[in-house]
Amino acid sequence: MSNRKLEIVQRLLDSIPEQQRETTGQAMITWWVNIRDHGGLRLTLHGYKILNDVLKLESWAHELENPNKTLTKNVILGMDRKLEWPYYIDVKKKRVIFFGSREAMMASMYGDLGRWISNIR
């Protein structure tokens, strides 16, 4: 996973205006919730703002009726291990923001985020 994360950071940094650009090391630490080498692609608020506000990347929101019930430790860990594109969990607005169209579509089709994550191979 770390190679994927590093590749994403390096490609995106090239698209950021120089006055807003961070170093690769700073981005690796500030953009991701799990900064470990094999950590997942869950974004911090800062990382989400970079992808959404600065780069204006296309994203899709999956609404959550009850985030406290839906976002169990197993679901969050499953997302961390299985998702291939960056995502942001916005608990205040009760949604998960996907930056991968296929993942967003599958979450929408399943409806139940936990069931979908448990069925990803």
PDB file of N, CA and C in Angstrom:
ATOM      1  N   MET A   1       0.826  -1.193   0.000  1.00  0.00           N
ATOM      2  CA  MET A   1       0.000   0.000   0.000  1.00  0.00           C
ATOM      3  C   MET A   1       0.865   1.250   0.000  1.00  0.00           C
ATOM      4  N   SER A   2       2.022   1.205   0.667  1.00  0.00           N
ATOM      5  CA  SER A   2       2.825   2.421   0.770  1.00  0.00           C
ATOM      6  C   SER A   2       3.271   2.927  -0.595  1.00  0.00           C
ATOM      7  N   ASN A   3       3.611   2.021  -1.520  1.00  0.00           N
ATOM      8  CA  ASN A   3       4.002   2.463  -2.852  1.00  0.00           C
ATOM      9  C   ASN A   3       2.849   3.182  -3.534  1.00  0.00           C
ATOM     10  N   ARG A   4       1.638   2.679  -3.369  1.00  0.00           N
ATOM     11  CA  ARG A   4       0.446   3.303  -3.949  1.00  0.00           C
ATOM     12  C   ARG A   4       0.251   4.691  -3.345  1.00  0.00           C
ATOM     13  N   LYS A   5       0.374   4.789  -2.052  1.00  0.00           N
ATOM     14  CA  LYS A   5       0.194   6.060  -1.353  1.00  0.00           C
ATOM     15  C   LYS A   5       1.255   7.065  -1.803  1.00  0.00           C
ATOM     16  N   LEU A   6       2.494   6.630  -1.878  1.00  0.00           N
ATOM     17  CA  LEU A   6       3.586   7.505  -2.314  1.00  0.00           C
ATOM     18  C   LEU A   6       3.379   7.940  -3.765  1.00  0.00           C
ATOM     19  N   GLU A   7       2.945   7.022  -4.605  1.00  0.00           N
ATOM     20  CA  GLU A   7       2.686   7.353  -6.012  1.00  0.00           C
ATOM     21  C   GLU A   7       1.582   8.407  -6.128  1.00  0.00           C
ATOM     22  N   ILE A   8       0.515   8.254  -5.357  1.00  0.00           N
ATOM     23  CA  ILE A   8      -0.581   9.228  -5.361  1.00  0.00           C
ATOM     24  C   ILE A   8      -0.063  10.600  -4.936  1.00  0.00           C
ATOM     25  N   VAL A   9       0.681  10.636  -3.853  1.00  0.00           N
ATOM     26  CA  VAL A   9       1.206  11.906  -3.342  1.00  0.00           C
ATOM     27  C   VAL A   9       2.096  12.579  -4.377  1.00  0.00           C
ATOM     28  N   GLN A  10       3.017  11.842  -4.963  1.00  0.00           N
ATOM     29  CA  GLN A  10       3.942  12.445  -5.918  1.00  0.00           C
ATOM     30  C   GLN A  10       3.223  12.987  -7.144  1.00  0.00           C
ATOM     31  N   ARG A  11       2.251  12.243  -7.653  1.00  0.00           N
ATOM     32  CA  ARG A  11       1.508  12.715  -8.826  1.00  0.00           C
ATOM     33  C   ARG A  11       0.675  13.958  -8.503  1.00  0.00           C
ATOM     34  N   LEU A  12       0.044  13.951  -7.344  1.00  0.00           N
ATOM     35  CA  LEU A  12      -0.795  15.085  -6.982  1.00  0.00           C
ATOM     36  C   LEU A  12       0.028  16.329  -6.670  1.00  0.00           C
ATOM     37  N   LEU A  13       1.179  16.150  -6.028  1.00  0.00           N
ATOM     38  CA  LEU A  13       2.026  17.298  -5.716  1.00  0.00           C
ATOM     39  C   LEU A  13       2.451  18.038  -6.980  1.00  0.00           C
ATOM     40  N   ASP A  14       2.651  17.307  -8.061  1.00  0.00           N
ATOM     41  CA  ASP A  14       3.023  17.943  -9.325  1.00  0.00           C
ATOM     42  C   ASP A  14       1.921  18.856  -9.857  1.00  0.00           C
ATOM     43  N   SER A  15       0.673  18.616  -9.433  1.00  0.00           N
ATOM     44  CA  SER A  15      -0.470  19.401  -9.917  1.00  0.00           C
ATOM     45  C   SER A  15      -0.812  20.588  -9.027  1.00  0.00           C
ATOM     46  N   ILE A  16      -0.179  20.663  -7.871  1.00  0.00           N
ATOM     47  CA  ILE A  16      -0.483  21.729  -6.912  1.00  0.00           C
ATOM     48  C   ILE A  16       0.361  22.963  -7.231  1.00  0.00           C
ATOM     49  N   PRO A  17      -0.260  24.149  -7.220  1.00  0.00           N
ATOM     50  CA  PRO A  17       0.519  25.372  -7.432  1.00  0.00           C
ATOM     51  C   PRO A  17       1.686  25.438  -6.439  1.00  0.00           C
ATOM     52  N   GLU A  18       2.819  25.915  -6.905  1.00  0.00           N
ATOM     53  CA  GLU A  18       4.048  25.881  -6.113  1.00  0.00           C
ATOM     54  C   GLU A  18       3.908  26.537  -4.742  1.00  0.00           C
ATOM     55  N   GLN A  19       3.172  27.656  -4.652  1.00  0.00           N
ATOM     56  CA  GLN A  19       3.034  28.345  -3.366  1.00  0.00           C
ATOM     57  C   GLN A  19       2.220  27.540  -2.349  1.00  0.00           C
ATOM     58  N   GLN A  20       1.464  26.540  -2.805  1.00  0.00           N
ATOM     59  CA  GLN A  20       0.675  25.699  -1.897  1.00  0.00           C
ATOM     60  C   GLN A  20       1.269  24.303  -1.735  1.00  0.00           C
ATOM     61  N   ARG A  21       2.336  24.017  -2.436  1.00  0.00           N
ATOM     62  CA  ARG A  21       2.928  22.680  -2.466  1.00  0.00           C
ATOM     63  C   ARG A  21       3.691  22.387  -1.186  1.00  0.00           C
ATOM     64  N   GLU A  22       3.520  21.176  -0.698  1.00  0.00           N
ATOM     65  CA  GLU A  22       4.269  20.677   0.448  1.00  0.00           C
ATOM     66  C   GLU A  22       5.369  19.760  -0.075  1.00  0.00           C
ATOM     67  N   THR A  23       6.278  19.377   0.791  1.00  0.00           N
ATOM     68  CA  THR A  23       7.248  18.357   0.406  1.00  0.00           C
ATOM     69  C   THR A  23       6.541  17.006   0.414  1.00  0.00           C
ATOM     70  N   THR A  24       7.139  16.045  -0.233  1.00  0.00           N
ATOM     71  CA  THR A  24       6.563  14.700  -0.242  1.00  0.00           C
ATOM     72  C   THR A  24       6.436  14.169   1.177  1.00  0.00           C
ATOM     73  N   GLY A  25       7.465  14.384   1.989  1.00  0.00           N
ATOM     74  CA  GLY A  25       7.435  13.919   3.379  1.00  0.00           C
ATOM     75  C   GLY A  25       6.319  14.553   4.182  1.00  0.00           C
ATOM     76  N   GLN A  26       6.128  15.858   4.023  1.00  0.00           N
ATOM     77  CA  GLN A  26       5.039  16.546   4.738  1.00  0.00           C
ATOM     78  C   GLN A  26       3.688  15.998   4.296  1.00  0.00           C
ATOM     79  N   ALA A  27       3.515  15.822   3.001  1.00  0.00           N
ATOM     80  CA  ALA A  27       2.242  15.320   2.480  1.00  0.00           C
ATOM     81  C   ALA A  27       1.965  13.914   2.987  1.00  0.00           C
ATOM     82  N   MET A  28       2.981  13.080   3.035  1.00  0.00           N
ATOM     83  CA  MET A  28       2.780  11.708   3.521  1.00  0.00           C
ATOM     84  C   MET A  28       2.312  11.705   4.975  1.00  0.00           C
ATOM     85  N   ILE A  29       2.751  12.672   5.743  1.00  0.00           N
ATOM     86  CA  ILE A  29       2.372  12.740   7.153  1.00  0.00           C
ATOM     87  C   ILE A  29       1.029  13.453   7.351  1.00  0.00           C
ATOM     88  N   THR A  30       0.787  14.523   6.598  1.00  0.00           N
ATOM     89  CA  THR A  30      -0.388  15.352   6.865  1.00  0.00           C
ATOM     90  C   THR A  30      -1.633  14.959   6.065  1.00  0.00           C
ATOM     91  N   TRP A  31      -1.485  14.201   4.992  1.00  0.00           N
ATOM     92  CA  TRP A  31      -2.650  13.863   4.170  1.00  0.00           C
ATOM     93  C   TRP A  31      -3.362  12.597   4.643  1.00  0.00           C
ATOM     94  N   TRP A  32      -2.674  11.710   5.328  1.00  0.00           N
ATOM     95  CA  TRP A  32      -3.222  10.383   5.626  1.00  0.00           C
ATOM     96  C   TRP A  32      -3.444  10.179   7.119  1.00  0.00           C
ATOM     97  N   VAL A  33      -4.552   9.526   7.463  1.00  0.00           N
ATOM     98  CA  VAL A  33      -4.831   9.206   8.863  1.00  0.00           C
ATOM     99  C   VAL A  33      -3.825   8.177   9.354  1.00  0.00           C
ATOM    100  N   ASN A  34      -3.586   7.146   8.554  1.00  0.00           N
ATOM    101  CA  ASN A  34      -2.655   6.089   8.913  1.00  0.00           C
ATOM    102  C   ASN A  34      -1.371   6.313   8.112  1.00  0.00           C
ATOM    103  N   ILE A  35      -0.339   6.822   8.774  1.00  0.00           N
ATOM    104  CA  ILE A  35       0.884   7.183   8.057  1.00  0.00           C
ATOM    105  C   ILE A  35       1.866   6.026   7.944  1.00  0.00           C
ATOM    106  N   ARG A  36       1.521   4.873   8.501  1.00  0.00           N
ATOM    107  CA  ARG A  36       2.423   3.714   8.407  1.00  0.00           C
ATOM    108  C   ARG A  36       2.598   3.293   6.945  1.00  0.00           C
ATOM    109  N   ASP A  37       3.694   2.621   6.680  1.00  0.00           N
ATOM    110  CA  ASP A  37       4.013   2.198   5.316  1.00  0.00           C
ATOM    111  C   ASP A  37       2.875   1.436   4.642  1.00  0.00           C
ATOM    112  N   HIS A  38       2.255   0.552   5.369  1.00  0.00           N
ATOM    113  CA  HIS A  38       1.191  -0.265   4.781  1.00  0.00           C
ATOM    114  C   HIS A  38      -0.195   0.198   5.224  1.00  0.00           C
ATOM    115  N   GLY A  39      -0.293   1.450   5.646  1.00  0.00           N
ATOM    116  CA  GLY A  39      -1.577   2.013   6.061  1.00  0.00           C
ATOM    117  C   GLY A  39      -2.474   2.267   4.861  1.00  0.00           C
ATOM    118  N   GLY A  40      -3.736   2.449   5.130  1.00  0.00           N
ATOM    119  CA  GLY A  40      -4.708   2.658   4.069  1.00  0.00           C
ATOM    120  C   GLY A  40      -4.718   4.072   3.523  1.00  0.00           C
ATOM    121  N   LEU A  41      -5.726   4.351   2.707  1.00  0.00           N
ATOM    122  CA  LEU A  41      -5.819   5.617   1.986  1.00  0.00           C
ATOM    123  C   LEU A  41      -6.884   6.546   2.564  1.00  0.00           C
ATOM    124  N   ARG A  42      -7.121   6.444   3.866  1.00  0.00           N
ATOM    125  CA  ARG A  42      -8.055   7.360   4.512  1.00  0.00           C
ATOM    126  C   ARG A  42      -7.395   8.715   4.693  1.00  0.00           C
ATOM    127  N   LEU A  43      -8.058   9.738   4.221  1.00  0.00           N
ATOM    128  CA  LEU A  43      -7.528  11.098   4.269  1.00  0.00           C
ATOM    129  C   LEU A  43      -7.843  11.798   5.583  1.00  0.00           C
ATOM    130  N   THR A  44      -6.928  12.652   5.997  1.00  0.00           N
ATOM    131  CA  THR A  44      -7.203  13.581   7.085  1.00  0.00           C
ATOM    132  C   THR A  44      -8.026  14.734   6.494  1.00  0.00           C
ATOM    133  N   LEU A  45      -8.508  15.626   7.325  1.00  0.00           N
ATOM    134  CA  LEU A  45      -9.217  16.809   6.831  1.00  0.00           C
ATOM    135  C   LEU A  45      -8.305  17.613   5.913  1.00  0.00           C
ATOM    136  N   HIS A  46      -7.047  17.758   6.292  1.00  0.00           N
ATOM    137  CA  HIS A  46      -6.082  18.488   5.465  1.00  0.00           C
ATOM    138  C   HIS A  46      -5.931  17.816   4.096  1.00  0.00           C
ATOM    139  N   GLY A  47      -5.764  16.504   4.082  1.00  0.00           N
ATOM    140  CA  GLY A  47      -5.637  15.771   2.827  1.00  0.00           C
ATOM    141  C   GLY A  47      -6.880  15.901   1.962  1.00  0.00           C
ATOM    142  N   TYR A  48      -8.049  15.827   2.608  1.00  0.00           N
ATOM    143  CA  TYR A  48      -9.307  15.990   1.878  1.00  0.00           C
ATOM    144  C   TYR A  48      -9.383  17.382   1.235  1.00  0.00           C
ATOM    145  N   LYS A  49      -8.994  18.407   1.990  1.00  0.00           N
ATOM    146  CA  LYS A  49      -9.039  19.774   1.451  1.00  0.00           C
ATOM    147  C   LYS A  49      -8.083  19.939   0.268  1.00  0.00           C
ATOM    148  N   ILE A  50      -6.944  19.288   0.317  1.00  0.00           N
ATOM    149  CA  ILE A  50      -6.007  19.352  -0.804  1.00  0.00           C
ATOM    150  C   ILE A  50      -6.652  18.737  -2.050  1.00  0.00           C
ATOM    151  N   LEU A  51      -7.194  17.536  -1.917  1.00  0.00           N
ATOM    152  CA  LEU A  51      -7.784  16.857  -3.075  1.00  0.00           C
ATOM    153  C   LEU A  51      -9.048  17.550  -3.553  1.00  0.00           C
ATOM    154  N   ASN A  52      -9.858  18.036  -2.632  1.00  0.00           N
ATOM    155  CA  ASN A  52     -11.149  18.621  -2.987  1.00  0.00           C
ATOM    156  C   ASN A  52     -11.050  20.104  -3.339  1.00  0.00           C
ATOM    157  N   ASP A  53     -10.456  20.903  -2.465  1.00  0.00           N
ATOM    158  CA  ASP A  53     -10.455  22.363  -2.631  1.00  0.00           C
ATOM    159  C   ASP A  53      -9.329  22.875  -3.530  1.00  0.00           C
ATOM    160  N   VAL A  54      -8.145  22.304  -3.373  1.00  0.00           N
ATOM    161  CA  VAL A  54      -7.000  22.783  -4.144  1.00  0.00           C
ATOM    162  C   VAL A  54      -6.977  22.141  -5.534  1.00  0.00           C
ATOM    163  N   LEU A  55      -7.063  20.813  -5.576  1.00  0.00           N
ATOM    164  CA  LEU A  55      -6.977  20.104  -6.861  1.00  0.00           C
ATOM    165  C   LEU A  55      -8.321  19.939  -7.564  1.00  0.00           C
ATOM    166  N   LYS A  56      -9.393  20.111  -6.803  1.00  0.00           N
ATOM    167  CA  LYS A  56     -10.752  20.000  -7.343  1.00  0.00           C
ATOM    168  C   LYS A  56     -10.983  18.658  -8.056  1.00  0.00           C
ATOM    169  N   LEU A  57     -10.506  17.584  -7.417  1.00  0.00           N
ATOM    170  CA  LEU A  57     -10.709  16.249  -7.970  1.00  0.00           C
ATOM    171  C   LEU A  57     -12.167  15.836  -7.819  1.00  0.00           C
ATOM    172  N   GLU A  58     -12.633  15.058  -8.747  1.00  0.00           N
ATOM    173  CA  GLU A  58     -14.015  14.586  -8.694  1.00  0.00           C
ATOM    174  C   GLU A  58     -14.153  13.612  -7.528  1.00  0.00           C
ATOM    175  N   SER A  59     -15.251  13.735  -6.812  1.00  0.00           N
ATOM    176  CA  SER A  59     -15.501  12.856  -5.668  1.00  0.00           C
ATOM    177  C   SER A  59     -16.990  12.561  -5.587  1.00  0.00           C
ATOM    178  N   TRP A  60     -17.305  11.546  -4.815  1.00  0.00           N
ATOM    179  CA  TRP A  60     -18.689  11.119  -4.659  1.00  0.00           C
ATOM    180  C   TRP A  60     -18.954  10.881  -3.184  1.00  0.00           C
ATOM    181  N   ALA A  61     -20.092  11.380  -2.709  1.00  0.00           N
ATOM    182  CA  ALA A  61     -20.452  11.248  -1.298  1.00  0.00           C
ATOM    183  C   ALA A  61     -21.407  10.081  -1.110  1.00  0.00           C
ATOM    184  N   HIS A  62     -21.148   9.301  -0.085  1.00  0.00           N
ATOM    185  CA  HIS A  62     -22.049   8.226   0.322  1.00  0.00           C
ATOM    186  C   HIS A  62     -22.606   8.624   1.684  1.00  0.00           C
ATOM    187  N   GLU A  63     -23.885   8.921   1.708  1.00  0.00           N
ATOM    188  CA  GLU A  63     -24.525   9.392   2.947  1.00  0.00           C
ATOM    189  C   GLU A  63     -24.680   8.250   3.953  1.00  0.00           C
ATOM    190  N   LEU A  64     -24.492   8.569   5.232  1.00  0.00           N
ATOM    191  CA  LEU A  64     -24.623   7.602   6.322  1.00  0.00           C
ATOM    192  C   LEU A  64     -25.753   8.056   7.235  1.00  0.00           C
ATOM    193  N   GLU A  65     -26.722   7.193   7.444  1.00  0.00           N
ATOM    194  CA  GLU A  65     -27.821   7.564   8.335  1.00  0.00           C
ATOM    195  C   GLU A  65     -27.358   7.630   9.780  1.00  0.00           C
ATOM    196  N   ASN A  66     -26.577   6.665  10.193  1.00  0.00           N
ATOM    197  CA  ASN A  66     -26.113   6.607  11.571  1.00  0.00           C
ATOM    198  C   ASN A  66     -24.623   6.243  11.580  1.00  0.00           C
ATOM    199  N   PRO A  67     -23.745   7.241  11.451  1.00  0.00           N
ATOM    200  CA  PRO A  67     -22.303   6.952  11.361  1.00  0.00           C
ATOM    201  C   PRO A  67     -21.754   6.168  12.547  1.00  0.00           C
ATOM    202  N   ASN A  68     -22.261   6.433  13.743  1.00  0.00           N
ATOM    203  CA  ASN A  68     -21.759   5.730  14.919  1.00  0.00           C
ATOM    204  C   ASN A  68     -22.050   4.240  14.855  1.00  0.00           C
ATOM    205  N   LYS A  69     -23.135   3.882  14.229  1.00  0.00           N
ATOM    206  CA  LYS A  69     -23.508   2.475  14.092  1.00  0.00           C
ATOM    207  C   LYS A  69     -22.861   1.853  12.853  1.00  0.00           C
ATOM    208  N   THR A  70     -22.766   2.617  11.776  1.00  0.00           N
ATOM    209  CA  THR A  70     -22.233   2.112  10.508  1.00  0.00           C
ATOM    210  C   THR A  70     -20.719   1.986  10.535  1.00  0.00           C
ATOM    211  N   LEU A  71     -20.038   2.987  11.052  1.00  0.00           N
ATOM    212  CA  LEU A  71     -18.580   3.024  11.008  1.00  0.00           C
ATOM    213  C   LEU A  71     -17.966   2.319  12.215  1.00  0.00           C
ATOM    214  N   THR A  72     -18.159   1.019  12.256  1.00  0.00           N
ATOM    215  CA  THR A  72     -17.571   0.217  13.329  1.00  0.00           C
ATOM    216  C   THR A  72     -16.069   0.083  13.088  1.00  0.00           C
ATOM    217  N   LYS A  73     -15.364  -0.411  14.079  1.00  0.00           N
ATOM    218  CA  LYS A  73     -13.922  -0.623  13.929  1.00  0.00           C
ATOM    219  C   LYS A  73     -13.640  -1.561  12.758  1.00  0.00           C
ATOM    220  N   ASN A  74     -14.453  -2.605  12.615  1.00  0.00           N
ATOM    221  CA  ASN A  74     -14.245  -3.561  11.522  1.00  0.00           C
ATOM    222  C   ASN A  74     -14.463  -2.927  10.159  1.00  0.00           C
ATOM    223  N   VAL A  75     -15.455  -2.067  10.031  1.00  0.00           N
ATOM    224  CA  VAL A  75     -15.725  -1.401   8.751  1.00  0.00           C
ATOM    225  C   VAL A  75     -14.582  -0.451   8.416  1.00  0.00           C
ATOM    226  N   ILE A  76     -14.154   0.345   9.384  1.00  0.00           N
ATOM    227  CA  ILE A  76     -13.054   1.292   9.140  1.00  0.00           C
ATOM    228  C   ILE A  76     -11.768   0.545   8.806  1.00  0.00           C
ATOM    229  N   LEU A  77     -11.474  -0.520   9.527  1.00  0.00           N
ATOM    230  CA  LEU A  77     -10.289  -1.321   9.248  1.00  0.00           C
ATOM    231  C   LEU A  77     -10.397  -1.971   7.864  1.00  0.00           C
ATOM    232  N   GLY A  78     -11.590  -2.458   7.511  1.00  0.00           N
ATOM    233  CA  GLY A  78     -11.808  -3.046   6.191  1.00  0.00           C
ATOM    234  C   GLY A  78     -11.599  -2.025   5.085  1.00  0.00           C
ATOM    235  N   MET A  79     -12.100  -0.820   5.278  1.00  0.00           N
ATOM    236  CA  MET A  79     -11.886   0.238   4.286  1.00  0.00           C
ATOM    237  C   MET A  79     -10.394   0.535   4.162  1.00  0.00           C
ATOM    238  N   ASP A  80      -9.717   0.585   5.287  1.00  0.00           N
ATOM    239  CA  ASP A  80      -8.282   0.872   5.303  1.00  0.00           C
ATOM    240  C   ASP A  80      -7.505  -0.196   4.535  1.00  0.00           C
ATOM    241  N   ARG A  81      -7.921  -1.421   4.642  1.00  0.00           N
ATOM    242  CA  ARG A  81      -7.210  -2.530   4.000  1.00  0.00           C
ATOM    243  C   ARG A  81      -7.610  -2.754   2.544  1.00  0.00           C
ATOM    244  N   LYS A  82      -8.847  -2.448   2.185  1.00  0.00           N
ATOM    245  CA  LYS A  82      -9.372  -2.888   0.896  1.00  0.00           C
ATOM    246  C   LYS A  82      -9.574  -1.808  -0.161  1.00  0.00           C
ATOM    247  N   LEU A  83      -9.782  -0.564   0.243  1.00  0.00           N
ATOM    248  CA  LEU A  83     -10.054   0.469  -0.758  1.00  0.00           C
ATOM    249  C   LEU A  83      -8.773   0.866  -1.489  1.00  0.00           C
ATOM    250  N   GLU A  84      -8.893   1.096  -2.782  1.00  0.00           N
ATOM    251  CA  GLU A  84      -7.741   1.376  -3.631  1.00  0.00           C
ATOM    252  C   GLU A  84      -7.572   2.851  -3.961  1.00  0.00           C
ATOM    253  N   TRP A  85      -8.545   3.682  -3.572  1.00  0.00           N
ATOM    254  CA  TRP A  85      -8.496   5.113  -3.852  1.00  0.00           C
ATOM    255  C   TRP A  85      -8.705   5.874  -2.553  1.00  0.00           C
ATOM    256  N   PRO A  86      -8.194   7.093  -2.475  1.00  0.00           N
ATOM    257  CA  PRO A  86      -8.381   7.882  -1.252  1.00  0.00           C
ATOM    258  C   PRO A  86      -9.861   8.100  -0.919  1.00  0.00           C
ATOM    259  N   TYR A  87     -10.131   8.199   0.372  1.00  0.00           N
ATOM    260  CA  TYR A  87     -11.483   8.467   0.852  1.00  0.00           C
ATOM    261  C   TYR A  87     -11.382   9.266   2.145  1.00  0.00           C
ATOM    262  N   TYR A  88     -12.463   9.968   2.442  1.00  0.00           N
ATOM    263  CA  TYR A  88     -12.508  10.799   3.643  1.00  0.00           C
ATOM    264  C   TYR A  88     -13.795  10.500   4.395  1.00  0.00           C
ATOM    265  N   ILE A  89     -13.703  10.273   5.689  1.00  0.00           N
ATOM    266  CA  ILE A  89     -14.881  10.041   6.527  1.00  0.00           C
ATOM    267  C   ILE A  89     -15.236  11.365   7.189  1.00  0.00           C
ATOM    268  N   ASP A  90     -16.403  11.889   6.835  1.00  0.00           N
ATOM    269  CA  ASP A  90     -16.899  13.157   7.375  1.00  0.00           C
ATOM    270  C   ASP A  90     -18.036  12.832   8.343  1.00  0.00           C
ATOM    271  N   VAL A  91     -17.681  12.636   9.603  1.00  0.00           N
ATOM    272  CA  VAL A  91     -18.669  12.228  10.607  1.00  0.00           C
ATOM    273  C   VAL A  91     -19.674  13.345  10.870  1.00  0.00           C
ATOM    274  N   LYS A  92     -19.231  14.609  10.853  1.00  0.00           N
ATOM    275  CA  LYS A  92     -20.141  15.730  11.112  1.00  0.00           C
ATOM    276  C   LYS A  92     -21.273  15.786  10.096  1.00  0.00           C
ATOM    277  N   LYS A  93     -20.936  15.566   8.828  1.00  0.00           N
ATOM    278  CA  LYS A  93     -21.953  15.622   7.772  1.00  0.00           C
ATOM    279  C   LYS A  93     -22.517  14.245   7.439  1.00  0.00           C
ATOM    280  N   LYS A  94     -22.114  13.250   8.213  1.00  0.00           N
ATOM    281  CA  LYS A  94     -22.622  11.880   8.089  1.00  0.00           C
ATOM    282  C   LYS A  94     -22.460  11.325   6.676  1.00  0.00           C
ATOM    283  N   ARG A  95     -21.190  11.283   6.219  1.00  0.00           N
ATOM    284  CA  ARG A  95     -20.936  10.764   4.879  1.00  0.00           C
ATOM    285  C   ARG A  95     -19.494  10.295   4.743  1.00  0.00           C
ATOM    286  N   VAL A  96     -19.291   9.462   3.734  1.00  0.00           N
ATOM    287  CA  VAL A  96     -17.953   9.066   3.326  1.00  0.00           C
ATOM    288  C   VAL A  96     -17.770   9.630   1.923  1.00  0.00           C
ATOM    289  N   ILE A  97     -16.665  10.313   1.700  1.00  0.00           N
ATOM    290  CA  ILE A  97     -16.352  10.890   0.390  1.00  0.00           C
ATOM    291  C   ILE A  97     -15.348   9.970  -0.293  1.00  0.00           C
ATOM    292  N   PHE A  98     -15.735   9.446  -1.449  1.00  0.00           N
ATOM    293  CA  PHE A  98     -14.867   8.563  -2.222  1.00  0.00           C
ATOM    294  C   PHE A  98     -14.242   9.343  -3.373  1.00  0.00           C
ATOM    295  N   PHE A  99     -12.971   9.079  -3.635  1.00  0.00           N
ATOM    296  CA  PHE A  99     -12.308   9.663  -4.795  1.00  0.00           C
ATOM    297  C   PHE A  99     -12.122   8.621  -5.904  1.00  0.00           C
ATOM    298  N   GLY A 100     -12.696   7.458  -5.714  1.00  0.00           N
ATOM    299  CA  GLY A 100     -12.711   6.418  -6.733  1.00  0.00           C
ATOM    300  C   GLY A 100     -14.146   6.184  -7.175  1.00  0.00           C
ATOM    301  N   SER A 101     -14.425   6.369  -8.463  1.00  0.00           N
ATOM    302  CA  SER A 101     -15.809   6.260  -8.947  1.00  0.00           C
ATOM    303  C   SER A 101     -16.361   4.851  -8.788  1.00  0.00           C
ATOM    304  N   ARG A 102     -15.543   3.846  -9.035  1.00  0.00           N
ATOM    305  CA  ARG A 102     -16.019   2.465  -8.910  1.00  0.00           C
ATOM    306  C   ARG A 102     -16.376   2.150  -7.453  1.00  0.00           C
ATOM    307  N   GLU A 103     -15.530   2.577  -6.539  1.00  0.00           N
ATOM    308  CA  GLU A 103     -15.801   2.332  -5.122  1.00  0.00           C
ATOM    309  C   GLU A 103     -17.054   3.070  -4.676  1.00  0.00           C
ATOM    310  N   ALA A 104     -17.234   4.287  -5.147  1.00  0.00           N
ATOM    311  CA  ALA A 104     -18.429   5.057  -4.801  1.00  0.00           C
ATOM    312  C   ALA A 104     -19.683   4.371  -5.341  1.00  0.00           C
ATOM    313  N   MET A 105     -19.604   3.889  -6.581  1.00  0.00           N
ATOM    314  CA  MET A 105     -20.747   3.207  -7.184  1.00  0.00           C
ATOM    315  C   MET A 105     -21.089   1.933  -6.419  1.00  0.00           C
ATOM    316  N   MET A 106     -20.087   1.157  -6.055  1.00  0.00           N
ATOM    317  CA  MET A 106     -20.335  -0.090  -5.332  1.00  0.00           C
ATOM    318  C   MET A 106     -20.934   0.190  -3.950  1.00  0.00           C
ATOM    319  N   ALA A 107     -20.437   1.198  -3.265  1.00  0.00           N
ATOM    320  CA  ALA A 107     -21.002   1.552  -1.951  1.00  0.00           C
ATOM    321  C   ALA A 107     -22.456   1.954  -2.104  1.00  0.00           C
ATOM    322  N   SER A 108     -22.756   2.696  -3.151  1.00  0.00           N
ATOM    323  CA  SER A 108     -24.128   3.133  -3.410  1.00  0.00           C
ATOM    324  C   SER A 108     -25.030   1.955  -3.760  1.00  0.00           C
ATOM    325  N   MET A 109     -24.527   1.040  -4.566  1.00  0.00           N
ATOM    326  CA  MET A 109     -25.330  -0.117  -4.968  1.00  0.00           C
ATOM    327  C   MET A 109     -25.645  -1.020  -3.784  1.00  0.00           C
ATOM    328  N   TYR A 110     -24.647  -1.238  -2.938  1.00  0.00           N
ATOM    329  CA  TYR A 110     -24.860  -2.087  -1.763  1.00  0.00           C
ATOM    330  C   TYR A 110     -25.755  -1.395  -0.740  1.00  0.00           C
ATOM    331  N   GLY A 111     -25.585  -0.080  -0.612  1.00  0.00           N
ATOM    332  CA  GLY A 111     -26.353   0.655   0.382  1.00  0.00           C
ATOM    333  C   GLY A 111     -25.768   0.515   1.776  1.00  0.00           C
ATOM    334  N   ASP A 112     -25.496  -0.693   2.191  1.00  0.00           N
ATOM    335  CA  ASP A 112     -24.937  -0.988   3.508  1.00  0.00           C
ATOM    336  C   ASP A 112     -23.416  -1.041   3.392  1.00  0.00           C
ATOM    337  N   LEU A 113     -22.762  -0.030   3.913  1.00  0.00           N
ATOM    338  CA  LEU A 113     -21.320   0.100   3.795  1.00  0.00           C
ATOM    339  C   LEU A 113     -20.596  -1.098   4.402  1.00  0.00           C
ATOM    340  N   GLY A 114     -21.026  -1.545   5.544  1.00  0.00           N
ATOM    341  CA  GLY A 114     -20.398  -2.683   6.211  1.00  0.00           C
ATOM    342  C   GLY A 114     -20.492  -3.958   5.405  1.00  0.00           C
ATOM    343  N   ARG A 115     -21.649  -4.209   4.824  1.00  0.00           N
ATOM    344  CA  ARG A 115     -21.852  -5.422   4.010  1.00  0.00           C
ATOM    345  C   ARG A 115     -20.970  -5.368   2.762  1.00  0.00           C
ATOM    346  N   TRP A 116     -20.903  -4.198   2.148  1.00  0.00           N
ATOM    347  CA  TRP A 116     -20.067  -4.048   0.954  1.00  0.00           C
ATOM    348  C   TRP A 116     -18.604  -4.309   1.280  1.00  0.00           C
ATOM    349  N   ILE A 117     -18.096  -3.673   2.330  1.00  0.00           N
ATOM    350  CA  ILE A 117     -16.690  -3.838   2.705  1.00  0.00           C
ATOM    351  C   ILE A 117     -16.384  -5.291   3.005  1.00  0.00           C
ATOM    352  N   SER A 118     -17.294  -5.980   3.688  1.00  0.00           N
ATOM    353  CA  SER A 118     -17.023  -7.382   4.030  1.00  0.00           C
ATOM    354  C   SER A 118     -17.037  -8.276   2.796  1.00  0.00           C
ATOM    355  N   ASN A 119     -17.639  -7.835   1.689  1.00  0.00           N
ATOM    356  CA  ASN A 119     -17.688  -8.641   0.474  1.00  0.00           C
ATOM    357  C   ASN A 119     -16.573  -8.326  -0.523  1.00  0.00           C
ATOM    358  N   ILE A 120     -15.792  -7.289  -0.274  1.00  0.00           N
ATOM    359  CA  ILE A 120     -14.652  -6.982  -1.145  1.00  0.00           C
ATOM    360  C   ILE A 120     -13.568  -8.024  -0.925  1.00  0.00           C
ATOM    361  N   ARG A 121     -13.035  -8.536  -1.980  1.00  0.00           N
ATOM    362  CA  ARG A 121     -11.967  -9.546  -1.855  1.00  0.00           C
ATOM    363  C   ARG A 121     -10.616  -8.913  -1.981  1.00  0.00           C
TER     364      ARG A 121
END
